[in-house]
C-alpha cells in the first residue's frame, strides 16, 4: 500500500492542488458576481434574483426558421430570453440594444443564445415580420410564441421581461421593464455569471 501511495503521490498532489485552485477560482467568481450585481442593478427598473431553483419549462415556440422548439433544445447554452410584443413601446426601444449584446456574447467563453420571443397574436404575425425587417434586428428577434404559452408559463406580468438562464435551464434572474444592454458592466456581469453557474 505504501509503495502504491509513493508511486501515485505526484498525481494525488496534483489533483488536490488543481481542486483547490478550482475552488478558489469559483469562490472569487462568486464574490466578483455579487459586486457586479450591485453595479448593474441601477441599469434596470426591476432586477430580481431568484433564490429558489426554478427551471425554464418546455414551452413550445417557433424558432427563426419556423420550426417548433422548446427551451430543452437550448440546454448547454446560457440564455438571455426576452419576451416582447410590437405593441409594447419599451420593447421596441430595447430590442436594438439586445442585438448589440448578442454580438458581444459571440466572443464569450461559453455558448450564449439571445432570443427575443414575440407574444403578438397570430393576427399580428405579419406586423412582427415587418417590424424585424424594418429595424434590421435579424434572427435573434424572430422567435414567436405561436401557441400563446409563454406569458402564463413564465409568469410574465409586464413587458418587456427578460430571463437570464443557466446552461442547465435554471432561471437565475428576472428583469422587468426596458433595459439598455449595450453596456460593458452588463456584459462583464454575464461573463461572471457563466463562471459561477
C-alpha atoms as a PDB file:
ATOM      1  CA  UNK A   1       0.000   0.000   0.000  1.00  0.00           C
ATOM      2  CA  UNK A   2       2.814   2.414   0.871  1.00  0.00           C
ATOM      3  CA  UNK A   3       4.517   1.654  -2.451  1.00  0.00           C
ATOM      4  CA  UNK A   4       1.288   2.432  -4.288  1.00  0.00           C
ATOM      5  CA  UNK A   5       0.981   5.778  -2.481  1.00  0.00           C
ATOM      6  CA  UNK A   6       4.599   6.745  -3.275  1.00  0.00           C
ATOM      7  CA  UNK A   7       4.096   5.746  -6.907  1.00  0.00           C
ATOM      8  CA  UNK A   8       0.997   7.938  -7.301  1.00  0.00           C
ATOM      9  CA  UNK A   9       1.872  10.708  -4.818  1.00  0.00           C
ATOM     10  CA  UNK A  10       2.621  13.224  -7.587  1.00  0.00           C
ATOM     11  CA  UNK A  11      -0.751  12.656  -9.279  1.00  0.00           C
ATOM     12  CA  UNK A  12      -2.643  12.765  -5.982  1.00  0.00           C
ATOM     13  CA  UNK A  13      -0.909  16.016  -5.007  1.00  0.00           C
ATOM     14  CA  UNK A  14      -1.563  17.488  -8.461  1.00  0.00           C
ATOM     15  CA  UNK A  15      -5.243  16.546  -8.276  1.00  0.00           C
ATOM     16  CA  UNK A  16      -5.535  18.105  -4.795  1.00  0.00           C
ATOM     17  CA  UNK A  17      -3.753  21.284  -5.944  1.00  0.00           C
ATOM     18  CA  UNK A  18      -5.971  21.659  -9.025  1.00  0.00           C
ATOM     19  CA  UNK A  19      -9.107  21.018  -6.944  1.00  0.00           C
ATOM     20  CA  UNK A  20      -8.106  23.764  -4.508  1.00  0.00           C
ATOM     21  CA  UNK A  21      -7.272  26.100  -7.364  1.00  0.00           C
ATOM     22  CA  UNK A  22     -10.685  25.452  -8.971  1.00  0.00           C
ATOM     23  CA  UNK A  23     -12.482  26.081  -5.701  1.00  0.00           C
ATOM     24  CA  UNK A  24     -10.677  29.378  -5.070  1.00  0.00           C
ATOM     25  CA  UNK A  25     -11.333  30.490  -8.672  1.00  0.00           C
ATOM     26  CA  UNK A  26     -15.032  29.668  -8.240  1.00  0.00           C
ATOM     27  CA  UNK A  27     -15.195  31.454  -4.856  1.00  0.00           C
ATOM     28  CA  UNK A  28     -13.543  34.537  -6.376  1.00  0.00           C
ATOM     29  CA  UNK A  29     -16.012  34.432  -9.275  1.00  0.00           C
ATOM     30  CA  UNK A  30     -18.941  34.291  -6.816  1.00  0.00           C
ATOM     31  CA  UNK A  31     -17.582  37.347  -4.995  1.00  0.00           C
ATOM     32  CA  UNK A  32     -16.985  39.182  -8.287  1.00  0.00           C
ATOM     33  CA  UNK A  33     -20.507  38.343  -9.462  1.00  0.00           C
ATOM     34  CA  UNK A  34     -22.005  39.812  -6.264  1.00  0.00           C
ATOM     35  CA  UNK A  35     -20.012  43.016  -6.831  1.00  0.00           C
ATOM     36  CA  UNK A  36     -21.205  43.184 -10.450  1.00  0.00           C
ATOM     37  CA  UNK A  37     -24.802  42.579  -9.360  1.00  0.00           C
ATOM     38  CA  UNK A  38     -24.622  45.682  -7.176  1.00  0.00           C
ATOM     39  CA  UNK A  39     -23.096  47.692 -10.040  1.00  0.00           C
ATOM     40  CA  UNK A  40     -25.677  46.791 -12.666  1.00  0.00           C
ATOM     41  CA  UNK A  41     -28.867  46.840 -10.607  1.00  0.00           C
ATOM     42  CA  UNK A  42     -29.164  50.565 -11.316  1.00  0.00           C
ATOM     43  CA  UNK A  43     -29.329  49.885 -15.075  1.00  0.00           C
ATOM     44  CA  UNK A  44     -32.641  48.038 -14.672  1.00  0.00           C
ATOM     45  CA  UNK A  45     -36.070  49.140 -13.474  1.00  0.00           C
ATOM     46  CA  UNK A  46     -36.798  45.814 -11.767  1.00  0.00           C
ATOM     47  CA  UNK A  47     -33.920  43.356 -11.276  1.00  0.00           C
ATOM     48  CA  UNK A  48     -34.691  40.235  -9.241  1.00  0.00           C
ATOM     49  CA  UNK A  49     -32.524  37.248  -8.352  1.00  0.00           C
ATOM     50  CA  UNK A  50     -34.414  34.003  -7.797  1.00  0.00           C
ATOM     51  CA  UNK A  51     -33.177  32.017  -4.810  1.00  0.00           C
ATOM     52  CA  UNK A  52     -35.471  29.066  -5.497  1.00  0.00           C
ATOM     53  CA  UNK A  53     -34.416  26.539  -8.104  1.00  0.00           C
ATOM     54  CA  UNK A  54     -36.832  27.366 -10.905  1.00  0.00           C
ATOM     55  CA  UNK A  55     -36.198  25.851 -14.302  1.00  0.00           C
ATOM     56  CA  UNK A  56     -37.460  27.228 -17.574  1.00  0.00           C
ATOM     57  CA  UNK A  57     -40.224  24.917 -18.724  1.00  0.00           C
ATOM     58  CA  UNK A  58     -40.589  23.125 -22.020  1.00  0.00           C
ATOM     59  CA  UNK A  59     -42.839  25.701 -23.624  1.00  0.00           C
ATOM     60  CA  UNK A  60     -43.269  25.389 -27.403  1.00  0.00           C
ATOM     61  CA  UNK A  61     -42.346  28.325 -29.636  1.00  0.00           C
ATOM     62  CA  UNK A  62     -41.211  28.833 -33.217  1.00  0.00           C
ATOM     63  CA  UNK A  63     -37.544  29.460 -33.966  1.00  0.00           C
ATOM     64  CA  UNK A  64     -36.380  31.911 -36.685  1.00  0.00           C
ATOM     65  CA  UNK A  65     -36.795  29.321 -39.450  1.00  0.00           C
ATOM     66  CA  UNK A  66     -40.300  28.373 -38.317  1.00  0.00           C
ATOM     67  CA  UNK A  67     -39.513  25.087 -36.562  1.00  0.00           C
ATOM     68  CA  UNK A  68     -41.211  24.324 -33.260  1.00  0.00           C
ATOM     69  CA  UNK A  69     -38.718  24.232 -30.391  1.00  0.00           C
ATOM     70  CA  UNK A  70     -38.772  24.199 -26.610  1.00  0.00           C
ATOM     71  CA  UNK A  71     -36.187  25.548 -24.167  1.00  0.00           C
ATOM     72  CA  UNK A  72     -34.898  21.990 -23.706  1.00  0.00           C
ATOM     73  CA  UNK A  73     -33.462  22.261 -27.235  1.00  0.00           C
ATOM     74  CA  UNK A  74     -31.129  25.004 -25.950  1.00  0.00           C
ATOM     75  CA  UNK A  75     -29.666  23.107 -22.982  1.00  0.00           C
ATOM     76  CA  UNK A  76     -25.901  23.533 -22.916  1.00  0.00           C
ATOM     77  CA  UNK A  77     -26.225  27.246 -23.767  1.00  0.00           C
ATOM     78  CA  UNK A  78     -26.648  30.204 -21.469  1.00  0.00           C
ATOM     79  CA  UNK A  79     -29.786  32.117 -22.402  1.00  0.00           C
ATOM     80  CA  UNK A  80     -30.981  35.693 -22.397  1.00  0.00           C
ATOM     81  CA  UNK A  81     -34.715  35.201 -23.050  1.00  0.00           C
ATOM     82  CA  UNK A  82     -36.573  38.418 -23.785  1.00  0.00           C
ATOM     83  CA  UNK A  83     -40.377  38.430 -24.013  1.00  0.00           C
ATOM     84  CA  UNK A  84     -41.698  41.287 -26.177  1.00  0.00           C
ATOM     85  CA  UNK A  85     -44.506  42.493 -28.455  1.00  0.00           C
ATOM     86  CA  UNK A  86     -44.747  45.019 -31.292  1.00  0.00           C
ATOM     87  CA  UNK A  87     -47.424  46.993 -29.413  1.00  0.00           C
ATOM     88  CA  UNK A  88     -45.096  47.451 -26.409  1.00  0.00           C
ATOM     89  CA  UNK A  89     -43.191  50.728 -26.858  1.00  0.00           C
ATOM     90  CA  UNK A  90     -40.456  49.942 -24.274  1.00  0.00           C
ATOM     91  CA  UNK A  91     -39.877  46.569 -26.003  1.00  0.00           C
ATOM     92  CA  UNK A  92     -39.358  48.314 -29.318  1.00  0.00           C
ATOM     93  CA  UNK A  93     -36.799  50.669 -27.758  1.00  0.00           C
ATOM     94  CA  UNK A  94     -34.965  47.807 -26.050  1.00  0.00           C
ATOM     95  CA  UNK A  95     -34.508  45.386 -28.965  1.00  0.00           C
ATOM     96  CA  UNK A  96     -31.613  47.186 -30.767  1.00  0.00           C
ATOM     97  CA  UNK A  97     -29.529  47.067 -27.580  1.00  0.00           C
ATOM     98  CA  UNK A  98     -30.234  43.332 -27.223  1.00  0.00           C
ATOM     99  CA  UNK A  99     -28.934  42.912 -30.762  1.00  0.00           C
ATOM    100  CA  UNK A 100     -25.673  44.584 -29.701  1.00  0.00           C
ATOM    101  CA  UNK A 101     -25.471  42.379 -26.599  1.00  0.00           C
ATOM    102  CA  UNK A 102     -25.879  39.313 -28.833  1.00  0.00           C
ATOM    103  CA  UNK A 103     -22.904  40.434 -30.933  1.00  0.00           C
ATOM    104  CA  UNK A 104     -20.769  40.914 -27.794  1.00  0.00           C
ATOM    105  CA  UNK A 105     -21.684  37.491 -26.412  1.00  0.00           C
ATOM    106  CA  UNK A 106     -20.435  35.768 -29.557  1.00  0.00           C
ATOM    107  CA  UNK A 107     -16.952  36.340 -28.131  1.00  0.00           C
ATOM    108  CA  UNK A 108     -17.755  34.870 -24.687  1.00  0.00           C
ATOM    109  CA  UNK A 109     -16.044  31.696 -23.449  1.00  0.00           C
ATOM    110  CA  UNK A 110     -19.275  29.698 -23.162  1.00  0.00           C
ATOM    111  CA  UNK A 111     -22.053  29.500 -25.773  1.00  0.00           C
ATOM    112  CA  UNK A 112     -24.821  32.071 -25.313  1.00  0.00           C
ATOM    113  CA  UNK A 113     -28.146  32.470 -27.075  1.00  0.00           C
ATOM    114  CA  UNK A 114     -30.017  35.769 -27.025  1.00  0.00           C
ATOM    115  CA  UNK A 115     -33.615  35.115 -28.020  1.00  0.00           C
ATOM    116  CA  UNK A 116     -36.404  37.675 -28.166  1.00  0.00           C
ATOM    117  CA  UNK A 117     -39.747  35.858 -28.282  1.00  0.00           C
ATOM    118  CA  UNK A 118     -42.723  37.811 -29.594  1.00  0.00           C
ATOM    119  CA  UNK A 119     -46.072  37.213 -27.892  1.00  0.00           C
ATOM    120  CA  UNK A 120     -48.037  39.047 -30.591  1.00  0.00           C
ATOM    121  CA  UNK A 121     -51.220  37.277 -31.639  1.00  0.00           C
ATOM    122  CA  UNK A 122     -51.397  35.278 -34.863  1.00  0.00           C
ATOM    123  CA  UNK A 123     -53.222  38.212 -36.473  1.00  0.00           C
ATOM    124  CA  UNK A 124     -50.111  40.346 -35.896  1.00  0.00           C
ATOM    125  CA  UNK A 125     -47.538  37.894 -37.286  1.00  0.00           C
ATOM    126  CA  UNK A 126     -47.049  39.902 -40.473  1.00  0.00           C
ATOM    127  CA  UNK A 127     -46.583  43.034 -38.371  1.00  0.00           C
ATOM    128  CA  UNK A 128     -43.862  41.233 -36.354  1.00  0.00           C
ATOM    129  CA  UNK A 129     -42.028  40.184 -39.533  1.00  0.00           C
ATOM    130  CA  UNK A 130     -42.236  43.706 -40.992  1.00  0.00           C
ATOM    131  CA  UNK A 131     -41.044  45.187 -37.709  1.00  0.00           C
ATOM    132  CA  UNK A 132     -37.995  42.894 -37.571  1.00  0.00           C
ATOM    133  CA  UNK A 133     -37.131  43.720 -41.196  1.00  0.00           C
ATOM    134  CA  UNK A 134     -37.640  47.468 -40.785  1.00  0.00           C
ATOM    135  CA  UNK A 135     -35.281  47.658 -37.784  1.00  0.00           C
ATOM    136  CA  UNK A 136     -32.825  45.085 -39.170  1.00  0.00           C
ATOM    137  CA  UNK A 137     -32.988  43.032 -35.989  1.00  0.00           C
ATOM    138  CA  UNK A 138     -32.010  39.749 -37.607  1.00  0.00           C
ATOM    139  CA  UNK A 139     -32.790  36.283 -36.351  1.00  0.00           C
ATOM    140  CA  UNK A 140     -32.477  36.839 -32.592  1.00  0.00           C
ATOM    141  CA  UNK A 141     -35.864  38.639 -32.554  1.00  0.00           C
ATOM    142  CA  UNK A 142     -37.574  36.128 -34.848  1.00  0.00           C
ATOM    143  CA  UNK A 143     -38.793  33.708 -32.163  1.00  0.00           C
ATOM    144  CA  UNK A 144     -42.569  33.513 -31.887  1.00  0.00           C
ATOM    145  CA  UNK A 145     -44.998  32.288 -29.228  1.00  0.00           C
ATOM    146  CA  UNK A 146     -47.349  30.627 -31.725  1.00  0.00           C
ATOM    147  CA  UNK A 147     -49.380  28.762 -29.073  1.00  0.00           C
ATOM    148  CA  UNK A 148     -49.684  31.659 -26.611  1.00  0.00           C
ATOM    149  CA  UNK A 149     -47.999  29.727 -23.795  1.00  0.00           C
ATOM    150  CA  UNK A 150     -45.070  31.978 -22.829  1.00  0.00           C
ATOM    151  CA  UNK A 151     -46.848  34.567 -20.676  1.00  0.00           C
ATOM    152  CA  UNK A 152     -48.663  32.117 -18.439  1.00  0.00           C
ATOM    153  CA  UNK A 153     -45.910  29.527 -18.136  1.00  0.00           C
ATOM    154  CA  UNK A 154     -43.182  32.072 -17.364  1.00  0.00           C
ATOM    155  CA  UNK A 155     -45.476  34.275 -15.252  1.00  0.00           C
ATOM    156  CA  UNK A 156     -44.830  37.349 -17.405  1.00  0.00           C
ATOM    157  CA  UNK A 157     -46.864  40.213 -15.943  1.00  0.00           C
ATOM    158  CA  UNK A 158     -45.064  43.137 -17.562  1.00  0.00           C
ATOM    159  CA  UNK A 159     -43.409  43.707 -20.928  1.00  0.00           C
ATOM    160  CA  UNK A 160     -40.617  43.523 -21.702  1.00  0.00           C
ATOM    161  CA  UNK A 161     -39.458  40.786 -19.324  1.00  0.00           C
ATOM    162  CA  UNK A 162     -36.038  39.173 -19.639  1.00  0.00           C
ATOM    163  CA  UNK A 163     -34.797  35.950 -18.052  1.00  0.00           C
ATOM    164  CA  UNK A 164     -31.120  35.078 -17.532  1.00  0.00           C
ATOM    165  CA  UNK A 165     -30.871  31.291 -17.660  1.00  0.00           C
ATOM    166  CA  UNK A 166     -28.032  28.850 -16.943  1.00  0.00           C
ATOM    167  CA  UNK A 167     -26.868  26.193 -19.383  1.00  0.00           C
ATOM    168  CA  UNK A 168     -28.907  23.649 -17.380  1.00  0.00           C
ATOM    169  CA  UNK A 169     -32.128  25.650 -17.794  1.00  0.00           C
ATOM    170  CA  UNK A 170     -32.265  27.236 -14.330  1.00  0.00           C
ATOM    171  CA  UNK A 171     -33.652  30.788 -14.224  1.00  0.00           C
ATOM    172  CA  UNK A 172     -31.397  32.928 -12.022  1.00  0.00           C
ATOM    173  CA  UNK A 173     -32.504  36.493 -12.821  1.00  0.00           C
ATOM    174  CA  UNK A 174     -35.768  38.084 -13.937  1.00  0.00           C
ATOM    175  CA  UNK A 175     -35.625  41.628 -15.294  1.00  0.00           C
ATOM    176  CA  UNK A 176     -38.844  43.540 -15.897  1.00  0.00           C
ATOM    177  CA  UNK A 177     -39.063  46.709 -17.922  1.00  0.00           C
ATOM    178  CA  UNK A 178     -36.915  48.062 -20.675  1.00  0.00           C
ATOM    179  CA  UNK A 179     -33.139  47.983 -20.336  1.00  0.00           C
ATOM    180  CA  UNK A 180     -30.216  49.095 -22.468  1.00  0.00           C
ATOM    181  CA  UNK A 181     -27.977  46.081 -22.748  1.00  0.00           C
ATOM    182  CA  UNK A 182     -25.010  47.507 -24.688  1.00  0.00           C
ATOM    183  CA  UNK A 183     -23.171  48.338 -21.514  1.00  0.00           C
ATOM    184  CA  UNK A 184     -19.749  46.955 -20.594  1.00  0.00           C
ATOM    185  CA  UNK A 185     -20.778  46.411 -16.957  1.00  0.00           C
ATOM    186  CA  UNK A 186     -23.706  44.246 -18.061  1.00  0.00           C
ATOM    187  CA  UNK A 187     -21.516  42.291 -20.463  1.00  0.00           C
ATOM    188  CA  UNK A 188     -18.930  41.704 -17.708  1.00  0.00           C
ATOM    189  CA  UNK A 189     -21.718  40.661 -15.330  1.00  0.00           C
ATOM    190  CA  UNK A 190     -22.848  37.962 -17.778  1.00  0.00           C
ATOM    191  CA  UNK A 191     -19.282  36.678 -18.106  1.00  0.00           C
ATOM    192  CA  UNK A 192     -19.012  36.374 -14.307  1.00  0.00           C
ATOM    193  CA  UNK A 193     -22.437  34.712 -14.329  1.00  0.00           C
ATOM    194  CA  UNK A 194     -21.192  31.933 -16.604  1.00  0.00           C
ATOM    195  CA  UNK A 195     -18.154  31.386 -14.345  1.00  0.00           C
ATOM    196  CA  UNK A 196     -20.384  30.825 -11.307  1.00  0.00           C
ATOM    197  CA  UNK A 197     -23.274  28.949 -12.875  1.00  0.00           C
END
